N, C-alpha and C. Protein backbone atom coordinates (compact mmCIF):
# COMPACT_ATOMS: atom_id res chain seq x y z
N MET A 1 -12.05 14.55 -13.75
CA MET A 1 -11.28 13.34 -14.01
C MET A 1 -10.46 12.95 -12.78
N ARG A 2 -9.84 13.92 -12.16
CA ARG A 2 -9.03 13.65 -10.98
C ARG A 2 -9.87 13.08 -9.84
N ARG A 3 -11.10 13.61 -9.67
CA ARG A 3 -11.99 13.09 -8.64
C ARG A 3 -12.34 11.63 -8.89
N GLN A 4 -12.58 11.30 -10.14
CA GLN A 4 -12.91 9.92 -10.50
C GLN A 4 -11.73 9.00 -10.19
N GLN A 5 -10.52 9.43 -10.50
CA GLN A 5 -9.33 8.63 -10.19
C GLN A 5 -9.18 8.44 -8.69
N ARG A 6 -9.43 9.50 -7.93
CA ARG A 6 -9.33 9.41 -6.48
C ARG A 6 -10.37 8.44 -5.93
N ARG A 7 -11.59 8.52 -6.42
CA ARG A 7 -12.66 7.64 -5.98
C ARG A 7 -12.31 6.18 -6.30
N GLU A 8 -11.82 5.93 -7.50
CA GLU A 8 -11.45 4.57 -7.90
C GLU A 8 -10.30 4.03 -7.04
N ALA A 9 -9.32 4.88 -6.78
CA ALA A 9 -8.18 4.45 -5.97
C ALA A 9 -8.63 4.14 -4.54
N ARG A 10 -9.53 4.95 -4.00
CA ARG A 10 -10.04 4.69 -2.65
C ARG A 10 -10.84 3.40 -2.60
N GLN A 11 -11.59 3.13 -3.66
CA GLN A 11 -12.32 1.86 -3.73
C GLN A 11 -11.35 0.69 -3.75
N GLN A 12 -10.27 0.83 -4.50
CA GLN A 12 -9.26 -0.22 -4.54
C GLN A 12 -8.68 -0.44 -3.15
N LEU A 13 -8.31 0.63 -2.49
CA LEU A 13 -7.69 0.50 -1.16
C LEU A 13 -8.64 -0.09 -0.14
N SER A 14 -9.93 0.05 -0.35
CA SER A 14 -10.90 -0.52 0.59
C SER A 14 -10.86 -2.05 0.58
N LEU A 15 -10.23 -2.63 -0.42
CA LEU A 15 -10.09 -4.09 -0.49
C LEU A 15 -9.02 -4.61 0.48
N LEU A 16 -8.17 -3.71 0.96
CA LEU A 16 -7.05 -4.11 1.80
C LEU A 16 -7.47 -4.19 3.27
N THR A 17 -6.78 -5.06 4.01
CA THR A 17 -6.96 -5.07 5.45
C THR A 17 -6.33 -3.80 6.01
N GLU A 18 -6.62 -3.52 7.25
CA GLU A 18 -6.06 -2.32 7.88
C GLU A 18 -4.53 -2.36 7.85
N ARG A 19 -3.95 -3.52 8.15
CA ARG A 19 -2.49 -3.64 8.18
C ARG A 19 -1.90 -3.53 6.78
N GLU A 20 -2.55 -4.15 5.78
CA GLU A 20 -2.06 -4.03 4.41
C GLU A 20 -2.09 -2.57 3.95
N ALA A 21 -3.15 -1.85 4.31
CA ALA A 21 -3.25 -0.44 3.94
C ALA A 21 -2.17 0.38 4.64
N GLU A 22 -1.90 0.05 5.90
CA GLU A 22 -0.85 0.75 6.64
C GLU A 22 0.51 0.55 5.97
N VAL A 23 0.80 -0.69 5.63
CA VAL A 23 2.08 -1.01 4.97
C VAL A 23 2.14 -0.33 3.61
N ALA A 24 1.05 -0.33 2.87
CA ALA A 24 1.02 0.34 1.56
C ALA A 24 1.30 1.83 1.71
N GLY A 25 0.73 2.44 2.73
CA GLY A 25 0.98 3.86 2.97
C GLY A 25 2.43 4.14 3.30
N LEU A 26 3.05 3.24 4.03
CA LEU A 26 4.46 3.41 4.37
C LEU A 26 5.36 3.22 3.15
N VAL A 27 4.95 2.31 2.25
CA VAL A 27 5.66 2.17 0.98
C VAL A 27 5.57 3.47 0.20
N ALA A 28 4.37 4.04 0.16
CA ALA A 28 4.17 5.31 -0.57
C ALA A 28 4.99 6.43 0.04
N ALA A 29 5.27 6.33 1.34
CA ALA A 29 6.09 7.34 2.01
C ALA A 29 7.58 7.12 1.74
N GLY A 30 7.92 6.04 1.04
CA GLY A 30 9.30 5.81 0.64
C GLY A 30 10.11 4.91 1.57
N LEU A 31 9.45 4.25 2.52
CA LEU A 31 10.18 3.40 3.45
C LEU A 31 10.52 2.05 2.82
N SER A 32 11.64 1.51 3.23
CA SER A 32 12.05 0.17 2.80
C SER A 32 11.31 -0.87 3.63
N ASN A 33 11.37 -2.13 3.23
CA ASN A 33 10.73 -3.20 4.00
C ASN A 33 11.28 -3.24 5.43
N GLY A 34 12.58 -3.09 5.57
CA GLY A 34 13.19 -3.10 6.89
C GLY A 34 12.71 -1.96 7.75
N GLU A 35 12.59 -0.77 7.17
CA GLU A 35 12.11 0.39 7.92
C GLU A 35 10.64 0.22 8.32
N ILE A 36 9.85 -0.35 7.41
CA ILE A 36 8.45 -0.61 7.72
C ILE A 36 8.35 -1.62 8.86
N ALA A 37 9.18 -2.64 8.81
CA ALA A 37 9.18 -3.67 9.87
C ALA A 37 9.48 -3.04 11.22
N GLN A 38 10.48 -2.20 11.28
CA GLN A 38 10.84 -1.55 12.54
C GLN A 38 9.72 -0.66 13.04
N ARG A 39 9.13 0.11 12.15
CA ARG A 39 8.10 1.07 12.55
C ARG A 39 6.81 0.38 13.01
N THR A 40 6.50 -0.77 12.41
CA THR A 40 5.23 -1.45 12.71
C THR A 40 5.39 -2.62 13.67
N PHE A 41 6.62 -2.86 14.11
CA PHE A 41 6.92 -3.98 15.02
C PHE A 41 6.54 -5.33 14.41
N LEU A 42 6.76 -5.45 13.12
CA LEU A 42 6.54 -6.70 12.39
C LEU A 42 7.88 -7.22 11.91
N SER A 43 7.92 -8.50 11.59
CA SER A 43 9.13 -9.02 10.96
C SER A 43 9.15 -8.57 9.50
N GLU A 44 10.33 -8.56 8.92
CA GLU A 44 10.44 -8.17 7.51
C GLU A 44 9.67 -9.15 6.63
N ALA A 45 9.67 -10.43 7.01
CA ALA A 45 8.92 -11.43 6.25
C ALA A 45 7.42 -11.13 6.26
N THR A 46 6.92 -10.68 7.40
CA THR A 46 5.50 -10.33 7.50
C THR A 46 5.19 -9.11 6.66
N VAL A 47 6.08 -8.14 6.65
CA VAL A 47 5.90 -6.96 5.79
C VAL A 47 5.82 -7.40 4.34
N LYS A 48 6.71 -8.29 3.92
CA LYS A 48 6.70 -8.78 2.55
C LYS A 48 5.40 -9.50 2.23
N THR A 49 4.87 -10.24 3.19
CA THR A 49 3.59 -10.93 2.99
C THR A 49 2.47 -9.91 2.79
N HIS A 50 2.43 -8.89 3.63
CA HIS A 50 1.40 -7.86 3.48
C HIS A 50 1.52 -7.16 2.13
N LEU A 51 2.74 -6.86 1.71
CA LEU A 51 2.95 -6.22 0.41
C LEU A 51 2.50 -7.13 -0.74
N SER A 52 2.82 -8.40 -0.64
CA SER A 52 2.43 -9.35 -1.67
C SER A 52 0.91 -9.44 -1.78
N ARG A 53 0.24 -9.53 -0.65
CA ARG A 53 -1.22 -9.61 -0.67
C ARG A 53 -1.85 -8.31 -1.18
N ALA A 54 -1.28 -7.18 -0.79
CA ALA A 54 -1.81 -5.88 -1.24
C ALA A 54 -1.64 -5.73 -2.75
N THR A 55 -0.48 -6.07 -3.26
CA THR A 55 -0.27 -5.91 -4.71
C THR A 55 -1.18 -6.86 -5.49
N THR A 56 -1.40 -8.05 -4.97
CA THR A 56 -2.31 -8.99 -5.63
C THR A 56 -3.74 -8.45 -5.63
N LYS A 57 -4.21 -8.00 -4.48
CA LYS A 57 -5.58 -7.48 -4.37
C LYS A 57 -5.81 -6.27 -5.26
N LEU A 58 -4.79 -5.43 -5.42
CA LEU A 58 -4.92 -4.21 -6.20
C LEU A 58 -4.60 -4.40 -7.68
N GLY A 59 -4.08 -5.58 -8.03
CA GLY A 59 -3.75 -5.85 -9.42
C GLY A 59 -2.56 -5.08 -9.93
N VAL A 60 -1.62 -4.78 -9.03
CA VAL A 60 -0.39 -4.10 -9.42
C VAL A 60 0.77 -5.08 -9.29
N THR A 61 1.90 -4.75 -9.91
CA THR A 61 2.99 -5.72 -9.95
C THR A 61 4.22 -5.32 -9.14
N ASN A 62 4.25 -4.08 -8.65
CA ASN A 62 5.43 -3.68 -7.88
C ASN A 62 5.08 -2.56 -6.90
N ARG A 63 6.04 -2.22 -6.06
CA ARG A 63 5.78 -1.24 -5.00
C ARG A 63 5.59 0.18 -5.54
N VAL A 64 6.15 0.48 -6.69
CA VAL A 64 5.93 1.80 -7.29
C VAL A 64 4.47 1.95 -7.69
N GLN A 65 3.92 0.94 -8.34
CA GLN A 65 2.51 0.98 -8.72
C GLN A 65 1.62 1.03 -7.48
N LEU A 66 1.99 0.30 -6.45
CA LEU A 66 1.25 0.33 -5.18
C LEU A 66 1.25 1.74 -4.60
N ALA A 67 2.41 2.37 -4.60
CA ALA A 67 2.53 3.73 -4.08
C ALA A 67 1.69 4.71 -4.91
N LEU A 68 1.59 4.50 -6.20
CA LEU A 68 0.78 5.37 -7.05
C LEU A 68 -0.71 5.26 -6.71
N VAL A 69 -1.18 4.05 -6.42
CA VAL A 69 -2.58 3.88 -6.02
C VAL A 69 -2.84 4.64 -4.72
N VAL A 70 -1.93 4.50 -3.75
CA VAL A 70 -2.08 5.21 -2.48
C VAL A 70 -2.07 6.72 -2.73
N ASP A 71 -1.18 7.18 -3.57
CA ASP A 71 -1.09 8.62 -3.87
C ASP A 71 -2.37 9.12 -4.53
N ARG A 72 -2.87 8.37 -5.49
CA ARG A 72 -4.11 8.78 -6.19
C ARG A 72 -5.28 8.85 -5.21
N ALA A 73 -5.29 7.96 -4.23
CA ALA A 73 -6.38 7.96 -3.25
C ALA A 73 -6.29 9.15 -2.32
N GLY A 74 -5.11 9.75 -2.24
CA GLY A 74 -4.93 10.93 -1.40
C GLY A 74 -4.86 10.60 0.07
N VAL A 75 -4.38 9.41 0.40
CA VAL A 75 -4.32 9.01 1.81
C VAL A 75 -2.91 8.92 2.35
N ALA A 76 -1.92 9.16 1.52
CA ALA A 76 -0.53 9.07 1.99
C ALA A 76 -0.08 10.34 2.65
């Protein structure tokens, strides 16, 4: 069962661009939008845009659910 969940989560993450996946991973690591912006040399508004697009593509509604998908995929 766990393998199936991991496979499904990885398939979901494959829908993301490289930058969206990077930002999602940083969310899963517990970073705030501001911290992600500093680490990735993006504006906070751009980070929010990447998060919005990632949550839409993955069908989740908040950053906790986004972090759970990343965790299930085993890529964080």
